[in-house]
Amino acid sequence: MTIPLWCLLGGVVLPYVWAGASLPFRNKQLGEFDLQQPRLQAAELTEGGAGAWGAQMNAWEALSVFMAATLVAYISGVDPAGSWAMNV
């Protein structure tokens, strides 16, 4: 698997990581996870729980743009280690 596809895999997994990070806060603050109204319950979170939920929402929003840009670069044959990459 090439670097762009590994990056896509990481981008797809990241929102789920943040979702898992918010679960302990939900259980501590609200008792249990509400499967009927999860967004309303998430709005009640404070401090770390609200931050983890916000990070999950940001990850979902950024995923569409990141996925489109990465797929276009991959399909067009851009070299991940090409001259445009940062050489450290």
PDB file of N, CA and C in Angstrom:
ATOM      1  N   MET A   1       0.852  -1.175   0.000  1.00  0.00           N
ATOM      2  CA  MET A   1       0.000   0.000   0.000  1.00  0.00           C
ATOM      3  C   MET A   1       0.899   1.240   0.000  1.00  0.00           C
ATOM      4  N   THR A   2       0.543   2.230  -0.764  1.00  0.00           N
ATOM      5  CA  THR A   2       1.382   3.414  -0.886  1.00  0.00           C
ATOM      6  C   THR A   2       1.097   4.425   0.232  1.00  0.00           C
ATOM      7  N   ILE A   3       1.947   5.414   0.326  1.00  0.00           N
ATOM      8  CA  ILE A   3       1.814   6.434   1.373  1.00  0.00           C
ATOM      9  C   ILE A   3       0.460   7.139   1.319  1.00  0.00           C
ATOM     10  N   PRO A   4      -0.028   7.580   0.148  1.00  0.00           N
ATOM     11  CA  PRO A   4      -1.335   8.249   0.138  1.00  0.00           C
ATOM     12  C   PRO A   4      -2.469   7.369   0.651  1.00  0.00           C
ATOM     13  N   LEU A   5      -2.424   6.084   0.325  1.00  0.00           N
ATOM     14  CA  LEU A   5      -3.488   5.201   0.803  1.00  0.00           C
ATOM     15  C   LEU A   5      -3.379   4.963   2.303  1.00  0.00           C
ATOM     16  N   TRP A   6      -2.172   4.917   2.839  1.00  0.00           N
ATOM     17  CA  TRP A   6      -2.008   4.816   4.299  1.00  0.00           C
ATOM     18  C   TRP A   6      -2.541   6.076   4.975  1.00  0.00           C
ATOM     19  N   CYS A   7      -2.294   7.229   4.357  1.00  0.00           N
ATOM     20  CA  CYS A   7      -2.811   8.491   4.905  1.00  0.00           C
ATOM     21  C   CYS A   7      -4.337   8.495   4.899  1.00  0.00           C
ATOM     22  N   LEU A   8      -4.933   7.995   3.826  1.00  0.00           N
ATOM     23  CA  LEU A   8      -6.393   7.906   3.777  1.00  0.00           C
ATOM     24  C   LEU A   8      -6.930   6.984   4.861  1.00  0.00           C
ATOM     25  N   LEU A   9      -6.272   5.864   5.062  1.00  0.00           N
ATOM     26  CA  LEU A   9      -6.695   4.945   6.106  1.00  0.00           C
ATOM     27  C   LEU A   9      -6.642   5.628   7.474  1.00  0.00           C
ATOM     28  N   GLY A  10      -5.575   6.357   7.732  1.00  0.00           N
ATOM     29  CA  GLY A  10      -5.466   7.094   8.993  1.00  0.00           C
ATOM     30  C   GLY A  10      -6.546   8.144   9.139  1.00  0.00           C
ATOM     31  N   GLY A  11      -6.859   8.843   8.052  1.00  0.00           N
ATOM     32  CA  GLY A  11      -7.908   9.852   8.094  1.00  0.00           C
ATOM     33  C   GLY A  11      -9.285   9.271   8.333  1.00  0.00           C
ATOM     34  N   VAL A  12      -9.531   8.078   7.819  1.00  0.00           N
ATOM     35  CA  VAL A  12     -10.824   7.426   8.015  1.00  0.00           C
ATOM     36  C   VAL A  12     -10.956   6.889   9.437  1.00  0.00           C
ATOM     37  N   VAL A  13      -9.873   6.431  10.013  1.00  0.00           N
ATOM     38  CA  VAL A  13      -9.905   5.848  11.354  1.00  0.00           C
ATOM     39  C   VAL A  13      -9.992   6.930  12.439  1.00  0.00           C
ATOM     40  N   LEU A  14      -9.443   8.101  12.177  1.00  0.00           N
ATOM     41  CA  LEU A  14      -9.349   9.142  13.198  1.00  0.00           C
ATOM     42  C   LEU A  14     -10.683   9.541  13.828  1.00  0.00           C
ATOM     43  N   PRO A  15     -11.782   9.737  13.077  1.00  0.00           N
ATOM     44  CA  PRO A  15     -13.045  10.087  13.741  1.00  0.00           C
ATOM     45  C   PRO A  15     -13.527   9.007  14.720  1.00  0.00           C
ATOM     46  N   TYR A  16     -13.249   7.760  14.392  1.00  0.00           N
ATOM     47  CA  TYR A  16     -13.655   6.682  15.288  1.00  0.00           C
ATOM     48  C   TYR A  16     -12.821   6.668  16.567  1.00  0.00           C
ATOM     49  N   VAL A  17     -11.565   7.066  16.452  1.00  0.00           N
ATOM     50  CA  VAL A  17     -10.712   7.180  17.641  1.00  0.00           C
ATOM     51  C   VAL A  17     -11.283   8.233  18.573  1.00  0.00           C
ATOM     52  N   TRP A  18     -11.662   9.394  18.019  1.00  0.00           N
ATOM     53  CA  TRP A  18     -12.238  10.460  18.848  1.00  0.00           C
ATOM     54  C   TRP A  18     -13.585  10.039  19.420  1.00  0.00           C
ATOM     55  N   ALA A  19     -14.362   9.270  18.668  1.00  0.00           N
ATOM     56  CA  ALA A  19     -15.639   8.783  19.198  1.00  0.00           C
ATOM     57  C   ALA A  19     -15.405   7.888  20.404  1.00  0.00           C
ATOM     58  N   GLY A  20     -14.401   7.035  20.310  1.00  0.00           N
ATOM     59  CA  GLY A  20     -14.066   6.178  21.449  1.00  0.00           C
ATOM     60  C   GLY A  20     -13.549   6.974  22.635  1.00  0.00           C
ATOM     61  N   ALA A  21     -12.843   8.075  22.348  1.00  0.00           N
ATOM     62  CA  ALA A  21     -12.315   8.909  23.429  1.00  0.00           C
ATOM     63  C   ALA A  21     -13.431   9.631  24.178  1.00  0.00           C
ATOM     64  N   SER A  22     -14.551   9.895  23.515  1.00  0.00           N
ATOM     65  CA  SER A  22     -15.640  10.606  24.186  1.00  0.00           C
ATOM     66  C   SER A  22     -16.526   9.686  25.026  1.00  0.00           C
ATOM     67  N   LEU A  23     -16.464   8.387  24.797  1.00  0.00           N
ATOM     68  CA  LEU A  23     -17.335   7.461  25.528  1.00  0.00           C
ATOM     69  C   LEU A  23     -17.133   7.466  27.047  1.00  0.00           C
ATOM     70  N   PRO A  24     -15.896   7.460  27.556  1.00  0.00           N
ATOM     71  CA  PRO A  24     -15.759   7.506  29.014  1.00  0.00           C
ATOM     72  C   PRO A  24     -16.352   8.783  29.622  1.00  0.00           C
ATOM     73  N   PHE A  25     -16.231   9.901  28.921  1.00  0.00           N
ATOM     74  CA  PHE A  25     -16.810  11.145  29.415  1.00  0.00           C
ATOM     75  C   PHE A  25     -18.335  11.067  29.428  1.00  0.00           C
ATOM     76  N   ARG A  26     -18.895  10.485  28.373  1.00  0.00           N
ATOM     77  CA  ARG A  26     -20.361  10.320  28.321  1.00  0.00           C
ATOM     78  C   ARG A  26     -20.852   9.446  29.459  1.00  0.00           C
ATOM     79  N   ASN A  27     -20.176   8.329  29.655  1.00  0.00           N
ATOM     80  CA  ASN A  27     -20.595   7.413  30.723  1.00  0.00           C
ATOM     81  C   ASN A  27     -20.459   8.061  32.094  1.00  0.00           C
ATOM     82  N   LYS A  28     -19.409   8.838  32.302  1.00  0.00           N
ATOM     83  CA  LYS A  28     -19.184   9.476  33.605  1.00  0.00           C
ATOM     84  C   LYS A  28     -20.195  10.597  33.848  1.00  0.00           C
ATOM     85  N   GLN A  29     -20.428  11.438  32.836  1.00  0.00           N
ATOM     86  CA  GLN A  29     -21.293  12.596  33.023  1.00  0.00           C
ATOM     87  C   GLN A  29     -22.773  12.273  32.898  1.00  0.00           C
ATOM     88  N   LEU A  30     -23.126  11.364  31.993  1.00  0.00           N
ATOM     89  CA  LEU A  30     -24.531  11.174  31.654  1.00  0.00           C
ATOM     90  C   LEU A  30     -25.056   9.781  31.971  1.00  0.00           C
ATOM     91  N   GLY A  31     -24.230   8.910  32.479  1.00  0.00           N
ATOM     92  CA  GLY A  31     -24.690   7.592  32.889  1.00  0.00           C
ATOM     93  C   GLY A  31     -24.551   6.523  31.824  1.00  0.00           C
ATOM     94  N   GLU A  32     -25.154   6.721  30.676  1.00  0.00           N
ATOM     95  CA  GLU A  32     -25.069   5.729  29.612  1.00  0.00           C
ATOM     96  C   GLU A  32     -25.212   6.422  28.260  1.00  0.00           C
ATOM     97  N   PHE A  33     -24.890   5.688  27.216  1.00  0.00           N
ATOM     98  CA  PHE A  33     -24.969   6.213  25.857  1.00  0.00           C
ATOM     99  C   PHE A  33     -26.400   6.100  25.365  1.00  0.00           C
ATOM    100  N   ASP A  34     -26.980   7.209  24.920  1.00  0.00           N
ATOM    101  CA  ASP A  34     -28.348   7.235  24.412  1.00  0.00           C
ATOM    102  C   ASP A  34     -28.341   6.961  22.911  1.00  0.00           C
ATOM    103  N   LEU A  35     -28.777   5.774  22.517  1.00  0.00           N
ATOM    104  CA  LEU A  35     -28.782   5.404  21.108  1.00  0.00           C
ATOM    105  C   LEU A  35     -29.918   6.064  20.333  1.00  0.00           C
ATOM    106  N   GLN A  36     -30.938   6.564  21.037  1.00  0.00           N
ATOM    107  CA  GLN A  36     -32.059   7.208  20.366  1.00  0.00           C
ATOM    108  C   GLN A  36     -31.745   8.653  19.976  1.00  0.00           C
ATOM    109  N   GLN A  37     -31.053   9.382  20.851  1.00  0.00           N
ATOM    110  CA  GLN A  37     -30.743  10.794  20.620  1.00  0.00           C
ATOM    111  C   GLN A  37     -29.272  11.086  20.939  1.00  0.00           C
ATOM    112  N   PRO A  38     -28.327  10.527  20.180  1.00  0.00           N
ATOM    113  CA  PRO A  38     -26.912  10.716  20.533  1.00  0.00           C
ATOM    114  C   PRO A  38     -26.430  12.153  20.384  1.00  0.00           C
ATOM    115  N   ARG A  39     -26.952  12.908  19.420  1.00  0.00           N
ATOM    116  CA  ARG A  39     -26.495  14.288  19.252  1.00  0.00           C
ATOM    117  C   ARG A  39     -26.995  15.189  20.367  1.00  0.00           C
ATOM    118  N   LEU A  40     -28.211  14.971  20.818  1.00  0.00           N
ATOM    119  CA  LEU A  40     -28.714  15.750  21.944  1.00  0.00           C
ATOM    120  C   LEU A  40     -27.918  15.447  23.203  1.00  0.00           C
ATOM    121  N   GLN A  41     -27.567  14.195  23.378  1.00  0.00           N
ATOM    122  CA  GLN A  41     -26.764  13.824  24.541  1.00  0.00           C
ATOM    123  C   GLN A  41     -25.363  14.424  24.440  1.00  0.00           C
ATOM    124  N   ALA A  42     -24.792  14.440  23.259  1.00  0.00           N
ATOM    125  CA  ALA A  42     -23.454  15.001  23.076  1.00  0.00           C
ATOM    126  C   ALA A  42     -23.445  16.491  23.378  1.00  0.00           C
ATOM    127  N   ALA A  43     -24.543  17.176  23.107  1.00  0.00           N
ATOM    128  CA  ALA A  43     -24.626  18.614  23.394  1.00  0.00           C
ATOM    129  C   ALA A  43     -24.572  18.896  24.896  1.00  0.00           C
ATOM    130  N   GLU A  44     -24.890  17.913  25.722  1.00  0.00           N
ATOM    131  CA  GLU A  44     -24.859  18.081  27.171  1.00  0.00           C
ATOM    132  C   GLU A  44     -23.471  17.868  27.767  1.00  0.00           C
ATOM    133  N   LEU A  45     -22.518  17.383  26.982  1.00  0.00           N
ATOM    134  CA  LEU A  45     -21.175  17.129  27.488  1.00  0.00           C
ATOM    135  C   LEU A  45     -20.457  18.428  27.824  1.00  0.00           C
ATOM    136  N   THR A  46     -19.588  18.366  28.806  1.00  0.00           N
ATOM    137  CA  THR A  46     -18.790  19.523  29.205  1.00  0.00           C
ATOM    138  C   THR A  46     -17.323  19.129  29.244  1.00  0.00           C
ATOM    139  N   GLU A  47     -16.459  20.112  29.271  1.00  0.00           N
ATOM    140  CA  GLU A  47     -15.005  19.968  29.422  1.00  0.00           C
ATOM    141  C   GLU A  47     -14.419  18.974  28.426  1.00  0.00           C
ATOM    142  N   GLY A  48     -13.760  17.930  28.926  1.00  0.00           N
ATOM    143  CA  GLY A  48     -13.073  16.974  28.051  1.00  0.00           C
ATOM    144  C   GLY A  48     -14.001  16.237  27.110  1.00  0.00           C
ATOM    145  N   GLY A  49     -15.200  15.923  27.567  1.00  0.00           N
ATOM    146  CA  GLY A  49     -16.160  15.236  26.712  1.00  0.00           C
ATOM    147  C   GLY A  49     -16.589  16.081  25.536  1.00  0.00           C
ATOM    148  N   ALA A  50     -16.818  17.364  25.793  1.00  0.00           N
ATOM    149  CA  ALA A  50     -17.193  18.276  24.709  1.00  0.00           C
ATOM    150  C   ALA A  50     -16.036  18.451  23.738  1.00  0.00           C
ATOM    151  N   GLY A  51     -14.826  18.489  24.259  1.00  0.00           N
ATOM    152  CA  GLY A  51     -13.659  18.610  23.389  1.00  0.00           C
ATOM    153  C   GLY A  51     -13.472  17.395  22.508  1.00  0.00           C
ATOM    154  N   ALA A  52     -13.646  16.201  23.083  1.00  0.00           N
ATOM    155  CA  ALA A  52     -13.501  14.971  22.293  1.00  0.00           C
ATOM    156  C   ALA A  52     -14.592  14.865  21.240  1.00  0.00           C
ATOM    157  N   TRP A  53     -15.810  15.259  21.599  1.00  0.00           N
ATOM    158  CA  TRP A  53     -16.899  15.211  20.625  1.00  0.00           C
ATOM    159  C   TRP A  53     -16.667  16.236  19.522  1.00  0.00           C
ATOM    160  N   GLY A  54     -16.193  17.425  19.884  1.00  0.00           N
ATOM    161  CA  GLY A  54     -15.871  18.441  18.888  1.00  0.00           C
ATOM    162  C   GLY A  54     -14.754  17.988  17.957  1.00  0.00           C
ATOM    163  N   ALA A  55     -13.762  17.305  18.503  1.00  0.00           N
ATOM    164  CA  ALA A  55     -12.672  16.788  17.681  1.00  0.00           C
ATOM    165  C   ALA A  55     -13.183  15.734  16.703  1.00  0.00           C
ATOM    166  N   GLN A  56     -14.128  14.926  17.141  1.00  0.00           N
ATOM    167  CA  GLN A  56     -14.711  13.932  16.244  1.00  0.00           C
ATOM    168  C   GLN A  56     -15.467  14.617  15.105  1.00  0.00           C
ATOM    169  N   MET A  57     -16.248  15.635  15.409  1.00  0.00           N
ATOM    170  CA  MET A  57     -16.989  16.347  14.371  1.00  0.00           C
ATOM    171  C   MET A  57     -16.037  17.049  13.397  1.00  0.00           C
ATOM    172  N   ASN A  58     -14.954  17.638  13.912  1.00  0.00           N
ATOM    173  CA  ASN A  58     -13.961  18.266  13.044  1.00  0.00           C
ATOM    174  C   ASN A  58     -13.289  17.250  12.131  1.00  0.00           C
ATOM    175  N   ALA A  59     -13.008  16.060  12.677  1.00  0.00           N
ATOM    176  CA  ALA A  59     -12.379  15.011  11.874  1.00  0.00           C
ATOM    177  C   ALA A  59     -13.301  14.574  10.743  1.00  0.00           C
ATOM    178  N   TRP A  60     -14.609  14.457  11.013  1.00  0.00           N
ATOM    179  CA  TRP A  60     -15.552  14.090   9.953  1.00  0.00           C
ATOM    180  C   TRP A  60     -15.616  15.166   8.886  1.00  0.00           C
ATOM    181  N   GLU A  61     -15.608  16.444   9.311  1.00  0.00           N
ATOM    182  CA  GLU A  61     -15.684  17.543   8.341  1.00  0.00           C
ATOM    183  C   GLU A  61     -14.441  17.588   7.454  1.00  0.00           C
ATOM    184  N   ALA A  62     -13.286  17.425   8.048  1.00  0.00           N
ATOM    185  CA  ALA A  62     -12.034  17.519   7.289  1.00  0.00           C
ATOM    186  C   ALA A  62     -11.811  16.299   6.402  1.00  0.00           C
ATOM    187  N   LEU A  63     -12.418  15.176   6.741  1.00  0.00           N
ATOM    188  CA  LEU A  63     -12.179  13.945   5.997  1.00  0.00           C
ATOM    189  C   LEU A  63     -12.591  14.059   4.532  1.00  0.00           C
ATOM    190  N   SER A  64     -13.693  14.713   4.241  1.00  0.00           N
ATOM    191  CA  SER A  64     -14.151  14.785   2.850  1.00  0.00           C
ATOM    192  C   SER A  64     -13.155  15.549   1.973  1.00  0.00           C
ATOM    193  N   VAL A  65     -12.670  16.688   2.452  1.00  0.00           N
ATOM    194  CA  VAL A  65     -11.709  17.467   1.679  1.00  0.00           C
ATOM    195  C   VAL A  65     -10.377  16.721   1.572  1.00  0.00           C
ATOM    196  N   PHE A  66      -9.924  16.156   2.687  1.00  0.00           N
ATOM    197  CA  PHE A  66      -8.668  15.419   2.690  1.00  0.00           C
ATOM    198  C   PHE A  66      -8.734  14.213   1.757  1.00  0.00           C
ATOM    199  N   MET A  67      -9.851  13.500   1.790  1.00  0.00           N
ATOM    200  CA  MET A  67      -9.996  12.319   0.946  1.00  0.00           C
ATOM    201  C   MET A  67     -10.005  12.711  -0.531  1.00  0.00           C
ATOM    202  N   ALA A  68     -10.737  13.754  -0.871  1.00  0.00           N
ATOM    203  CA  ALA A  68     -10.791  14.182  -2.265  1.00  0.00           C
ATOM    204  C   ALA A  68      -9.408  14.608  -2.763  1.00  0.00           C
ATOM    205  N   ALA A  69      -8.706  15.409  -1.994  1.00  0.00           N
ATOM    206  CA  ALA A  69      -7.386  15.881  -2.414  1.00  0.00           C
ATOM    207  C   ALA A  69      -6.392  14.732  -2.535  1.00  0.00           C
ATOM    208  N   THR A  70      -6.435  13.813  -1.590  1.00  0.00           N
ATOM    209  CA  THR A  70      -5.502  12.691  -1.615  1.00  0.00           C
ATOM    210  C   THR A  70      -5.796  11.754  -2.781  1.00  0.00           C
ATOM    211  N   LEU A  71      -7.062  11.483  -3.038  1.00  0.00           N
ATOM    212  CA  LEU A  71      -7.411  10.608  -4.158  1.00  0.00           C
ATOM    213  C   LEU A  71      -7.053  11.239  -5.503  1.00  0.00           C
ATOM    214  N   VAL A  72      -7.283  12.537  -5.642  1.00  0.00           N
ATOM    215  CA  VAL A  72      -6.915  13.211  -6.886  1.00  0.00           C
ATOM    216  C   VAL A  72      -5.411  13.130  -7.099  1.00  0.00           C
ATOM    217  N   ALA A  73      -4.639  13.381  -6.053  1.00  0.00           N
ATOM    218  CA  ALA A  73      -3.177  13.297  -6.172  1.00  0.00           C
ATOM    219  C   ALA A  73      -2.739  11.877  -6.504  1.00  0.00           C
ATOM    220  N   TYR A  74      -3.362  10.889  -5.865  1.00  0.00           N
ATOM    221  CA  TYR A  74      -2.996   9.488  -6.093  1.00  0.00           C
ATOM    222  C   TYR A  74      -3.337   9.060  -7.523  1.00  0.00           C
ATOM    223  N   ILE A  75      -4.539   9.411  -7.971  1.00  0.00           N
ATOM    224  CA  ILE A  75      -4.972   9.003  -9.310  1.00  0.00           C
ATOM    225  C   ILE A  75      -4.153   9.701 -10.390  1.00  0.00           C
ATOM    226  N   SER A  76      -3.780  10.953 -10.147  1.00  0.00           N
ATOM    227  CA  SER A  76      -3.002  11.683 -11.154  1.00  0.00           C
ATOM    228  C   SER A  76      -1.530  11.292 -11.156  1.00  0.00           C
ATOM    229  N   GLY A  77      -1.105  10.478 -10.196  1.00  0.00           N
ATOM    230  CA  GLY A  77       0.244   9.941 -10.205  1.00  0.00           C
ATOM    231  C   GLY A  77       1.288  10.817  -9.541  1.00  0.00           C
ATOM    232  N   VAL A  78       0.865  11.689  -8.639  1.00  0.00           N
ATOM    233  CA  VAL A  78       1.826  12.531  -7.927  1.00  0.00           C
ATOM    234  C   VAL A  78       2.720  11.631  -7.070  1.00  0.00           C
ATOM    235  N   ASP A  79       4.000  11.845  -7.157  1.00  0.00           N
ATOM    236  CA  ASP A  79       4.955  11.054  -6.379  1.00  0.00           C
ATOM    237  C   ASP A  79       4.990  11.554  -4.938  1.00  0.00           C
ATOM    238  N   PRO A  80       4.654  10.705  -3.945  1.00  0.00           N
ATOM    239  CA  PRO A  80       4.629  11.149  -2.552  1.00  0.00           C
ATOM    240  C   PRO A  80       5.996  11.621  -2.053  1.00  0.00           C
ATOM    241  N   ALA A  81       7.056  11.131  -2.636  1.00  0.00           N
ATOM    242  CA  ALA A  81       8.399  11.542  -2.215  1.00  0.00           C
ATOM    243  C   ALA A  81       9.021  12.474  -3.245  1.00  0.00           C
ATOM    244  N   GLY A  82       8.192  13.126  -4.048  1.00  0.00           N
ATOM    245  CA  GLY A  82       8.678  13.982  -5.122  1.00  0.00           C
ATOM    246  C   GLY A  82       9.293  15.282  -4.633  1.00  0.00           C
ATOM    247  N   SER A  83       9.623  16.127  -5.588  1.00  0.00           N
ATOM    248  CA  SER A  83      10.323  17.379  -5.259  1.00  0.00           C
ATOM    249  C   SER A  83       9.439  18.345  -4.481  1.00  0.00           C
ATOM    250  N   TRP A  84       8.109  18.176  -4.527  1.00  0.00           N
ATOM    251  CA  TRP A  84       7.207  19.057  -3.775  1.00  0.00           C
ATOM    252  C   TRP A  84       7.180  18.721  -2.305  1.00  0.00           C
ATOM    253  N   ALA A  85       7.605  17.515  -1.924  1.00  0.00           N
ATOM    254  CA  ALA A  85       7.576  17.087  -0.527  1.00  0.00           C
ATOM    255  C   ALA A  85       8.651  17.807   0.269  1.00  0.00           C
ATOM    256  N   MET A  86       8.410  17.957   1.560  1.00  0.00           N
ATOM    257  CA  MET A  86       9.402  18.604   2.421  1.00  0.00           C
ATOM    258  C   MET A  86      10.571  17.655   2.629  1.00  0.00           C
ATOM    259  N   ASN A  87      11.749  18.100   2.355  1.00  0.00           N
ATOM    260  CA  ASN A  87      12.950  17.296   2.584  1.00  0.00           C
ATOM    261  C   ASN A  87      13.580  17.752   3.879  1.00  0.00           C
ATOM    262  N   VAL A  88      13.591  16.864   4.841  1.00  0.00           N
ATOM    263  CA  VAL A  88      14.145  17.214   6.148  1.00  0.00           C
ATOM    264  C   VAL A  88      15.483  16.563   6.335  1.00  0.00           C
TER     265      VAL A  88
END
